[in-house]
Amino acid sequence: MPTLHWVGKDKVVNHHHDVPFRLLDKQYTFTANAGTPSMV
């Protein structure tokens, strides 16, 4: 089976391991007033 090889491929393949991340927590909610027109 053919495979693709290029300079820097190992860095691209494993890049997601180097990117910092954290889970997002829902902190705020918004509820419009009953008389507020919706934007369409």
PDB file of N, CA and C in Angstrom:
ATOM      1  N   MET A   1       0.856  -1.178   0.000  1.00  0.00           N
ATOM      2  CA  MET A   1       0.000   0.000   0.000  1.00  0.00           C
ATOM      3  C   MET A   1       0.902   1.241   0.000  1.00  0.00           C
ATOM      4  N   PRO A   2       0.637   2.218  -0.837  1.00  0.00           N
ATOM      5  CA  PRO A   2       1.456   3.423  -0.890  1.00  0.00           C
ATOM      6  C   PRO A   2       1.268   4.281   0.367  1.00  0.00           C
ATOM      7  N   THR A   3       2.342   4.946   0.755  1.00  0.00           N
ATOM      8  CA  THR A   3       2.285   5.868   1.884  1.00  0.00           C
ATOM      9  C   THR A   3       2.931   7.191   1.481  1.00  0.00           C
ATOM     10  N   LEU A   4       2.522   8.250   2.118  1.00  0.00           N
ATOM     11  CA  LEU A   4       3.089   9.561   1.843  1.00  0.00           C
ATOM     12  C   LEU A   4       4.115   9.914   2.910  1.00  0.00           C
ATOM     13  N   HIS A   5       5.257  10.415   2.486  1.00  0.00           N
ATOM     14  CA  HIS A   5       6.306  10.850   3.403  1.00  0.00           C
ATOM     15  C   HIS A   5       6.756  12.240   2.985  1.00  0.00           C
ATOM     16  N   TRP A   6       6.865  13.166   3.929  1.00  0.00           N
ATOM     17  CA  TRP A   6       7.368  14.501   3.641  1.00  0.00           C
ATOM     18  C   TRP A   6       8.143  15.006   4.841  1.00  0.00           C
ATOM     19  N   VAL A   7       8.967  16.017   4.602  1.00  0.00           N
ATOM     20  CA  VAL A   7       9.789  16.589   5.660  1.00  0.00           C
ATOM     21  C   VAL A   7       8.871  17.213   6.716  1.00  0.00           C
ATOM     22  N   GLY A   8       9.040  16.828   7.966  1.00  0.00           N
ATOM     23  CA  GLY A   8       8.241  17.365   9.059  1.00  0.00           C
ATOM     24  C   GLY A   8       6.950  16.615   9.314  1.00  0.00           C
ATOM     25  N   LYS A   9       6.719  15.503   8.621  1.00  0.00           N
ATOM     26  CA  LYS A   9       5.466  14.758   8.786  1.00  0.00           C
ATOM     27  C   LYS A   9       5.274  14.307  10.238  1.00  0.00           C
ATOM     28  N   ASP A  10       6.345  13.861  10.898  1.00  0.00           N
ATOM     29  CA  ASP A  10       6.206  13.392  12.270  1.00  0.00           C
ATOM     30  C   ASP A  10       5.747  14.509  13.205  1.00  0.00           C
ATOM     31  N   LYS A  11       6.123  15.748  12.931  1.00  0.00           N
ATOM     32  CA  LYS A  11       5.679  16.866  13.763  1.00  0.00           C
ATOM     33  C   LYS A  11       4.199  17.162  13.533  1.00  0.00           C
ATOM     34  N   VAL A  12       3.738  17.032  12.303  1.00  0.00           N
ATOM     35  CA  VAL A  12       2.333  17.296  11.990  1.00  0.00           C
ATOM     36  C   VAL A  12       1.449  16.199  12.572  1.00  0.00           C
ATOM     37  N   VAL A  13       1.874  14.958  12.446  1.00  0.00           N
ATOM     38  CA  VAL A  13       1.075  13.829  12.927  1.00  0.00           C
ATOM     39  C   VAL A  13       0.904  13.888  14.438  1.00  0.00           C
ATOM     40  N   ASN A  14       1.928  14.325  15.156  1.00  0.00           N
ATOM     41  CA  ASN A  14       1.862  14.357  16.619  1.00  0.00           C
ATOM     42  C   ASN A  14       1.575  15.744  17.188  1.00  0.00           C
ATOM     43  N   HIS A  15       1.216  16.702  16.351  1.00  0.00           N
ATOM     44  CA  HIS A  15       0.997  18.078  16.795  1.00  0.00           C
ATOM     45  C   HIS A  15      -0.092  18.181  17.857  1.00  0.00           C
ATOM     46  N   HIS A  16      -1.131  17.371  17.749  1.00  0.00           N
ATOM     47  CA  HIS A  16      -2.236  17.471  18.701  1.00  0.00           C
ATOM     48  C   HIS A  16      -1.801  17.121  20.129  1.00  0.00           C
ATOM     49  N   HIS A  17      -0.688  16.428  20.293  1.00  0.00           N
ATOM     50  CA  HIS A  17      -0.199  16.125  21.635  1.00  0.00           C
ATOM     51  C   HIS A  17       0.448  17.345  22.293  1.00  0.00           C
ATOM     52  N   ASP A  18       0.904  18.308  21.484  1.00  0.00           N
ATOM     53  CA  ASP A  18       1.602  19.481  22.012  1.00  0.00           C
ATOM     54  C   ASP A  18       0.686  20.662  22.290  1.00  0.00           C
ATOM     55  N   VAL A  19      -0.533  20.642  21.779  1.00  0.00           N
ATOM     56  CA  VAL A  19      -1.453  21.766  21.936  1.00  0.00           C
ATOM     57  C   VAL A  19      -2.145  21.673  23.296  1.00  0.00           C
ATOM     58  N   PRO A  20      -2.005  22.695  24.142  1.00  0.00           N
ATOM     59  CA  PRO A  20      -2.661  22.645  25.455  1.00  0.00           C
ATOM     60  C   PRO A  20      -4.184  22.756  25.300  1.00  0.00           C
ATOM     61  N   PHE A  21      -4.900  22.087  26.165  1.00  0.00           N
ATOM     62  CA  PHE A  21      -6.357  22.157  26.115  1.00  0.00           C
ATOM     63  C   PHE A  21      -6.902  22.028  27.527  1.00  0.00           C
ATOM     64  N   ARG A  22      -8.122  22.458  27.676  1.00  0.00           N
ATOM     65  CA  ARG A  22      -8.840  22.243  28.930  1.00  0.00           C
ATOM     66  C   ARG A  22     -10.320  22.145  28.605  1.00  0.00           C
ATOM     67  N   LEU A  23     -11.057  21.475  29.441  1.00  0.00           N
ATOM     68  CA  LEU A  23     -12.489  21.343  29.240  1.00  0.00           C
ATOM     69  C   LEU A  23     -13.172  22.655  29.606  1.00  0.00           C
ATOM     70  N   LEU A  24     -14.167  23.031  28.839  1.00  0.00           N
ATOM     71  CA  LEU A  24     -14.898  24.268  29.103  1.00  0.00           C
ATOM     72  C   LEU A  24     -16.082  23.971  30.014  1.00  0.00           C
ATOM     73  N   ASP A  25     -16.242  24.810  31.015  1.00  0.00           N
ATOM     74  CA  ASP A  25     -17.372  24.686  31.930  1.00  0.00           C
ATOM     75  C   ASP A  25     -18.383  25.780  31.621  1.00  0.00           C
ATOM     76  N   LYS A  26     -19.659  25.416  31.609  1.00  0.00           N
ATOM     77  CA  LYS A  26     -20.718  26.401  31.379  1.00  0.00           C
ATOM     78  C   LYS A  26     -20.848  27.260  32.634  1.00  0.00           C
ATOM     79  N   GLN A  27     -20.610  28.566  32.487  1.00  0.00           N
ATOM     80  CA  GLN A  27     -20.661  29.457  33.640  1.00  0.00           C
ATOM     81  C   GLN A  27     -21.836  30.419  33.591  1.00  0.00           C
ATOM     82  N   TYR A  28     -22.292  30.771  32.392  1.00  0.00           N
ATOM     83  CA  TYR A  28     -23.321  31.793  32.269  1.00  0.00           C
ATOM     84  C   TYR A  28     -24.446  31.289  31.362  1.00  0.00           C
ATOM     85  N   THR A  29     -25.644  31.783  31.606  1.00  0.00           N
ATOM     86  CA  THR A  29     -26.781  31.494  30.736  1.00  0.00           C
ATOM     87  C   THR A  29     -27.466  32.809  30.388  1.00  0.00           C
ATOM     88  N   PHE A  30     -28.226  32.802  29.330  1.00  0.00           N
ATOM     89  CA  PHE A  30     -28.960  33.982  28.903  1.00  0.00           C
ATOM     90  C   PHE A  30     -30.381  33.577  28.554  1.00  0.00           C
ATOM     91  N   THR A  31     -31.334  34.319  29.094  1.00  0.00           N
ATOM     92  CA  THR A  31     -32.739  34.116  28.762  1.00  0.00           C
ATOM     93  C   THR A  31     -33.315  35.466  28.386  1.00  0.00           C
ATOM     94  N   ALA A  32     -33.864  35.568  27.167  1.00  0.00           N
ATOM     95  CA  ALA A  32     -34.441  36.830  26.701  1.00  0.00           C
ATOM     96  C   ALA A  32     -35.790  37.048  27.370  1.00  0.00           C
ATOM     97  N   ASN A  33     -36.120  38.329  27.558  1.00  0.00           N
ATOM     98  CA  ASN A  33     -37.439  38.671  28.108  1.00  0.00           C
ATOM     99  C   ASN A  33     -38.498  38.290  27.091  1.00  0.00           C
ATOM    100  N   ALA A  34     -39.728  38.022  27.567  1.00  0.00           N
ATOM    101  CA  ALA A  34     -40.817  37.595  26.693  1.00  0.00           C
ATOM    102  C   ALA A  34     -41.149  38.673  25.649  1.00  0.00           C
ATOM    103  N   GLY A  35     -40.958  39.972  25.969  1.00  0.00           N
ATOM    104  CA  GLY A  35     -41.302  41.048  25.048  1.00  0.00           C
ATOM    105  C   GLY A  35     -40.176  41.414  24.092  1.00  0.00           C
ATOM    106  N   THR A  36     -39.037  40.769  24.167  1.00  0.00           N
ATOM    107  CA  THR A  36     -37.900  41.099  23.324  1.00  0.00           C
ATOM    108  C   THR A  36     -38.067  40.457  21.947  1.00  0.00           C
ATOM    109  N   PRO A  37     -38.039  41.262  20.862  1.00  0.00           N
ATOM    110  CA  PRO A  37     -38.178  40.669  19.520  1.00  0.00           C
ATOM    111  C   PRO A  37     -36.941  39.850  19.169  1.00  0.00           C
ATOM    112  N   SER A  38     -37.167  38.761  18.466  1.00  0.00           N
ATOM    113  CA  SER A  38     -36.030  37.931  18.070  1.00  0.00           C
ATOM    114  C   SER A  38     -35.399  38.502  16.800  1.00  0.00           C
ATOM    115  N   MET A  39     -34.106  38.332  16.672  1.00  0.00           N
ATOM    116  CA  MET A  39     -33.402  38.809  15.472  1.00  0.00           C
ATOM    117  C   MET A  39     -33.378  37.669  14.470  1.00  0.00           C
ATOM    118  N   VAL A  40     -33.958  37.912  13.323  1.00  0.00           N
ATOM    119  CA  VAL A  40     -34.033  36.869  12.276  1.00  0.00           C
ATOM    120  C   VAL A  40     -33.215  37.286  11.092  1.00  0.00           C
TER     121      VAL A  40
END
